[in-house]
């Protein structure tokens, strides 16, 4: 990271400054991605789809809800209309238990993908500007370009 910052500040060649900017950006992106990593974490996607409606039970819901992927009921009794035996309480559905601390947060990675796209676009525009500067002044050295600008323009 510091090498890129040093190149931006200390170098006079505009291409070398852009290379330093790219190194600096890459180091920052790598830093943020490494902050978002969790060892042993899983992706935040529900593996089994829930039933079609909250009121549907495993046995009397629509066909999609009765598939093998539907959540199972605890202590259901078919003679009570699919409701649990104890007091006809609402059916309790069981989903796979996942520790919330072991789910990876995708937000840092998504933001860094956005940063990569913005960085590439910025680098492309900067390279186009450097090309225009080279055509206009005949050099890519910052101090020489500034000297010509201070003198009031390029001699033709």
C-alpha atoms as a PDB file:
ATOM      1  CA  UNK A   1       0.000   0.000   0.000  1.00  0.00           C
ATOM      2  CA  UNK A   2       2.742   2.428   0.941  1.00  0.00           C
ATOM      3  CA  UNK A   3       4.682   1.706  -2.260  1.00  0.00           C
ATOM      4  CA  UNK A   4       1.682   2.852  -4.289  1.00  0.00           C
ATOM      5  CA  UNK A   5       1.274   5.991  -2.176  1.00  0.00           C
ATOM      6  CA  UNK A   6       5.008   6.713  -2.511  1.00  0.00           C
ATOM      7  CA  UNK A   7       4.801   6.332  -6.294  1.00  0.00           C
ATOM      8  CA  UNK A   8       1.874   8.757  -6.470  1.00  0.00           C
ATOM      9  CA  UNK A   9       3.690  11.387  -4.415  1.00  0.00           C
ATOM     10  CA  UNK A  10       7.362  11.003  -5.365  1.00  0.00           C
ATOM     11  CA  UNK A  11       7.417  10.081  -9.056  1.00  0.00           C
ATOM     12  CA  UNK A  12       7.360  12.727 -11.796  1.00  0.00           C
ATOM     13  CA  UNK A  13       6.329  10.472 -14.684  1.00  0.00           C
ATOM     14  CA  UNK A  14       2.546  10.412 -15.086  1.00  0.00           C
ATOM     15  CA  UNK A  15       2.454   6.735 -16.118  1.00  0.00           C
ATOM     16  CA  UNK A  16       4.420   5.792 -12.992  1.00  0.00           C
ATOM     17  CA  UNK A  17       1.947   7.808 -10.923  1.00  0.00           C
ATOM     18  CA  UNK A  18      -0.927   5.836 -12.457  1.00  0.00           C
ATOM     19  CA  UNK A  19       0.847   2.549 -11.729  1.00  0.00           C
ATOM     20  CA  UNK A  20       1.257   3.713  -8.124  1.00  0.00           C
ATOM     21  CA  UNK A  21      -2.426   4.623  -7.985  1.00  0.00           C
ATOM     22  CA  UNK A  22      -3.346   1.157  -9.232  1.00  0.00           C
ATOM     23  CA  UNK A  23      -1.075  -0.504  -6.644  1.00  0.00           C
ATOM     24  CA  UNK A  24      -2.559   1.651  -3.882  1.00  0.00           C
ATOM     25  CA  UNK A  25      -6.106   0.771  -4.940  1.00  0.00           C
ATOM     26  CA  UNK A  26      -5.323  -2.952  -5.126  1.00  0.00           C
ATOM     27  CA  UNK A  27      -3.787  -2.924  -1.653  1.00  0.00           C
ATOM     28  CA  UNK A  28      -6.831  -1.211  -0.153  1.00  0.00           C
ATOM     29  CA  UNK A  29      -9.216  -3.652  -1.859  1.00  0.00           C
ATOM     30  CA  UNK A  30      -7.177  -6.600  -0.589  1.00  0.00           C
ATOM     31  CA  UNK A  31      -7.274  -5.120   2.921  1.00  0.00           C
ATOM     32  CA  UNK A  32     -11.067  -4.776   2.937  1.00  0.00           C
ATOM     33  CA  UNK A  33     -11.630  -8.226   1.447  1.00  0.00           C
ATOM     34  CA  UNK A  34      -9.367  -9.760   4.095  1.00  0.00           C
ATOM     35  CA  UNK A  35     -11.406  -8.000   6.801  1.00  0.00           C
ATOM     36  CA  UNK A  36     -14.573  -9.638   5.461  1.00  0.00           C
ATOM     37  CA  UNK A  37     -13.225 -13.207   5.610  1.00  0.00           C
ATOM     38  CA  UNK A  38     -14.519 -15.618   8.275  1.00  0.00           C
ATOM     39  CA  UNK A  39     -12.817 -18.976   8.674  1.00  0.00           C
ATOM     40  CA  UNK A  40     -15.314 -21.828   8.390  1.00  0.00           C
ATOM     41  CA  UNK A  41     -18.191 -19.505   7.490  1.00  0.00           C
ATOM     42  CA  UNK A  42     -20.927 -20.466   5.075  1.00  0.00           C
ATOM     43  CA  UNK A  43     -22.750 -18.458   2.435  1.00  0.00           C
ATOM     44  CA  UNK A  44     -25.960 -16.646   3.494  1.00  0.00           C
ATOM     45  CA  UNK A  45     -28.334 -18.710   1.353  1.00  0.00           C
ATOM     46  CA  UNK A  46     -31.234 -20.774   2.696  1.00  0.00           C
ATOM     47  CA  UNK A  47     -30.643 -24.310   1.486  1.00  0.00           C
ATOM     48  CA  UNK A  48     -34.252 -25.492   1.677  1.00  0.00           C
ATOM     49  CA  UNK A  49     -37.111 -23.302   0.401  1.00  0.00           C
ATOM     50  CA  UNK A  50     -39.896 -22.598   2.910  1.00  0.00           C
ATOM     51  CA  UNK A  51     -43.532 -23.659   2.434  1.00  0.00           C
ATOM     52  CA  UNK A  52     -45.701 -21.706   0.003  1.00  0.00           C
ATOM     53  CA  UNK A  53     -47.758 -20.037   2.763  1.00  0.00           C
ATOM     54  CA  UNK A  54     -47.209 -19.622   6.474  1.00  0.00           C
ATOM     55  CA  UNK A  55     -50.556 -21.317   7.251  1.00  0.00           C
ATOM     56  CA  UNK A  56     -49.880 -24.380   5.089  1.00  0.00           C
ATOM     57  CA  UNK A  57     -48.787 -27.519   6.874  1.00  0.00           C
ATOM     58  CA  UNK A  58     -46.599 -30.290   5.568  1.00  0.00           C
ATOM     59  CA  UNK A  59     -49.494 -32.614   4.741  1.00  0.00           C
ATOM     60  CA  UNK A  60     -52.247 -30.338   3.464  1.00  0.00           C
ATOM     61  CA  UNK A  61     -50.337 -27.534   1.712  1.00  0.00           C
ATOM     62  CA  UNK A  62     -49.828 -27.109  -2.000  1.00  0.00           C
ATOM     63  CA  UNK A  63     -47.763 -29.672  -3.859  1.00  0.00           C
ATOM     64  CA  UNK A  64     -44.655 -27.441  -3.782  1.00  0.00           C
ATOM     65  CA  UNK A  65     -44.919 -27.221   0.004  1.00  0.00           C
ATOM     66  CA  UNK A  66     -45.299 -31.014   0.333  1.00  0.00           C
ATOM     67  CA  UNK A  67     -42.072 -31.698  -1.518  1.00  0.00           C
ATOM     68  CA  UNK A  68     -39.004 -33.108   0.159  1.00  0.00           C
ATOM     69  CA  UNK A  69     -37.638 -29.605   0.552  1.00  0.00           C
ATOM     70  CA  UNK A  70     -40.467 -28.360   2.751  1.00  0.00           C
ATOM     71  CA  UNK A  71     -39.804 -27.964   6.465  1.00  0.00           C
ATOM     72  CA  UNK A  72     -41.003 -30.775   8.717  1.00  0.00           C
ATOM     73  CA  UNK A  73     -43.517 -30.325  11.519  1.00  0.00           C
ATOM     74  CA  UNK A  74     -42.840 -31.262  15.096  1.00  0.00           C
ATOM     75  CA  UNK A  75     -45.286 -33.730  16.690  1.00  0.00           C
ATOM     76  CA  UNK A  76     -47.912 -33.503  13.956  1.00  0.00           C
ATOM     77  CA  UNK A  77     -50.978 -35.671  14.166  1.00  0.00           C
ATOM     78  CA  UNK A  78     -52.957 -36.262  10.953  1.00  0.00           C
ATOM     79  CA  UNK A  79     -56.242 -36.988  12.752  1.00  0.00           C
ATOM     80  CA  UNK A  80     -56.136 -33.447  14.182  1.00  0.00           C
ATOM     81  CA  UNK A  81     -55.867 -31.898  10.755  1.00  0.00           C
ATOM     82  CA  UNK A  82     -52.094 -31.838  10.669  1.00  0.00           C
ATOM     83  CA  UNK A  83     -51.825 -29.887  13.918  1.00  0.00           C
ATOM     84  CA  UNK A  84     -49.630 -30.917  16.842  1.00  0.00           C
ATOM     85  CA  UNK A  85     -51.262 -33.190  19.398  1.00  0.00           C
ATOM     86  CA  UNK A  86     -50.670 -31.023  22.459  1.00  0.00           C
ATOM     87  CA  UNK A  87     -53.448 -28.416  22.527  1.00  0.00           C
ATOM     88  CA  UNK A  88     -53.733 -27.923  18.758  1.00  0.00           C
ATOM     89  CA  UNK A  89     -51.101 -25.206  18.865  1.00  0.00           C
ATOM     90  CA  UNK A  90     -49.868 -23.817  15.585  1.00  0.00           C
ATOM     91  CA  UNK A  91     -47.592 -26.171  13.722  1.00  0.00           C
ATOM     92  CA  UNK A  92     -43.940 -25.462  14.393  1.00  0.00           C
ATOM     93  CA  UNK A  93     -41.718 -25.797  11.349  1.00  0.00           C
ATOM     94  CA  UNK A  94     -38.121 -26.851  11.672  1.00  0.00           C
ATOM     95  CA  UNK A  95     -35.420 -25.462   9.409  1.00  0.00           C
ATOM     96  CA  UNK A  96     -31.769 -26.446   9.381  1.00  0.00           C
ATOM     97  CA  UNK A  97     -30.036 -24.758  12.298  1.00  0.00           C
ATOM     98  CA  UNK A  98     -27.212 -22.441  11.323  1.00  0.00           C
ATOM     99  CA  UNK A  99     -25.042 -20.499  13.728  1.00  0.00           C
ATOM    100  CA  UNK A 100     -25.546 -16.823  12.783  1.00  0.00           C
ATOM    101  CA  UNK A 101     -21.935 -16.110  13.712  1.00  0.00           C
ATOM    102  CA  UNK A 102     -20.795 -18.570  11.039  1.00  0.00           C
ATOM    103  CA  UNK A 103     -22.466 -16.836   8.103  1.00  0.00           C
ATOM    104  CA  UNK A 104     -20.199 -14.754   5.877  1.00  0.00           C
ATOM    105  CA  UNK A 105     -21.217 -11.174   5.228  1.00  0.00           C
ATOM    106  CA  UNK A 106     -21.228 -10.630   1.438  1.00  0.00           C
ATOM    107  CA  UNK A 107     -21.387  -6.827   1.661  1.00  0.00           C
ATOM    108  CA  UNK A 108     -17.604  -6.111   1.866  1.00  0.00           C
ATOM    109  CA  UNK A 109     -16.950  -8.338  -1.134  1.00  0.00           C
ATOM    110  CA  UNK A 110     -19.725  -6.750  -3.185  1.00  0.00           C
ATOM    111  CA  UNK A 111     -18.495  -3.261  -2.335  1.00  0.00           C
ATOM    112  CA  UNK A 112     -14.962  -4.197  -3.341  1.00  0.00           C
ATOM    113  CA  UNK A 113     -16.222  -5.530  -6.679  1.00  0.00           C
ATOM    114  CA  UNK A 114     -17.777  -2.114  -7.192  1.00  0.00           C
ATOM    115  CA  UNK A 115     -14.482  -0.472  -6.202  1.00  0.00           C
ATOM    116  CA  UNK A 116     -12.633  -2.595  -8.763  1.00  0.00           C
ATOM    117  CA  UNK A 117     -15.015  -1.499 -11.530  1.00  0.00           C
ATOM    118  CA  UNK A 118     -14.728   2.164 -10.529  1.00  0.00           C
ATOM    119  CA  UNK A 119     -10.931   1.841 -10.306  1.00  0.00           C
ATOM    120  CA  UNK A 120     -10.633   0.332 -13.772  1.00  0.00           C
ATOM    121  CA  UNK A 121     -12.855   3.060 -15.220  1.00  0.00           C
ATOM    122  CA  UNK A 122     -10.823   5.757 -13.460  1.00  0.00           C
ATOM    123  CA  UNK A 123      -7.580   4.241 -14.716  1.00  0.00           C
ATOM    124  CA  UNK A 124      -8.937   4.162 -18.272  1.00  0.00           C
ATOM    125  CA  UNK A 125      -9.936   7.833 -18.161  1.00  0.00           C
ATOM    126  CA  UNK A 126      -6.579   8.758 -16.602  1.00  0.00           C
ATOM    127  CA  UNK A 127      -4.686   6.914 -19.347  1.00  0.00           C
ATOM    128  CA  UNK A 128      -6.718   8.760 -21.976  1.00  0.00           C
ATOM    129  CA  UNK A 129      -5.849  12.080 -20.306  1.00  0.00           C
ATOM    130  CA  UNK A 130      -2.170  11.123 -20.154  1.00  0.00           C
ATOM    131  CA  UNK A 131      -2.280  10.367 -23.876  1.00  0.00           C
ATOM    132  CA  UNK A 132      -3.753  13.819 -24.564  1.00  0.00           C
ATOM    133  CA  UNK A 133      -1.093  15.438 -22.351  1.00  0.00           C
ATOM    134  CA  UNK A 134       1.660  13.602 -24.236  1.00  0.00           C
ATOM    135  CA  UNK A 135       0.283  14.722 -27.606  1.00  0.00           C
ATOM    136  CA  UNK A 136      -0.001  18.310 -26.398  1.00  0.00           C
ATOM    137  CA  UNK A 137       3.289  18.700 -24.510  1.00  0.00           C
ATOM    138  CA  UNK A 138       5.488  15.927 -25.911  1.00  0.00           C
ATOM    139  CA  UNK A 139       6.441  14.624 -22.466  1.00  0.00           C
ATOM    140  CA  UNK A 140       4.989  12.711 -19.537  1.00  0.00           C
ATOM    141  CA  UNK A 141       7.191  14.324 -16.883  1.00  0.00           C
ATOM    142  CA  UNK A 142       5.021  16.342 -14.518  1.00  0.00           C
ATOM    143  CA  UNK A 143       7.588  19.067 -13.832  1.00  0.00           C
ATOM    144  CA  UNK A 144       8.194  19.676 -17.558  1.00  0.00           C
ATOM    145  CA  UNK A 145       4.452  19.898 -18.264  1.00  0.00           C
ATOM    146  CA  UNK A 146       3.983  22.355 -15.383  1.00  0.00           C
ATOM    147  CA  UNK A 147       6.957  24.412 -16.615  1.00  0.00           C
ATOM    148  CA  UNK A 148       5.403  24.743 -20.086  1.00  0.00           C
ATOM    149  CA  UNK A 149       2.045  25.701 -18.561  1.00  0.00           C
ATOM    150  CA  UNK A 150       3.659  28.395 -16.367  1.00  0.00           C
ATOM    151  CA  UNK A 151       5.510  29.851 -19.361  1.00  0.00           C
ATOM    152  CA  UNK A 152       2.207  30.470 -21.060  1.00  0.00           C
ATOM    153  CA  UNK A 153       1.848  27.578 -23.423  1.00  0.00           C
ATOM    154  CA  UNK A 154       3.777  25.416 -25.801  1.00  0.00           C
ATOM    155  CA  UNK A 155       6.022  26.937 -28.472  1.00  0.00           C
ATOM    156  CA  UNK A 156       5.052  25.775 -31.954  1.00  0.00           C
END
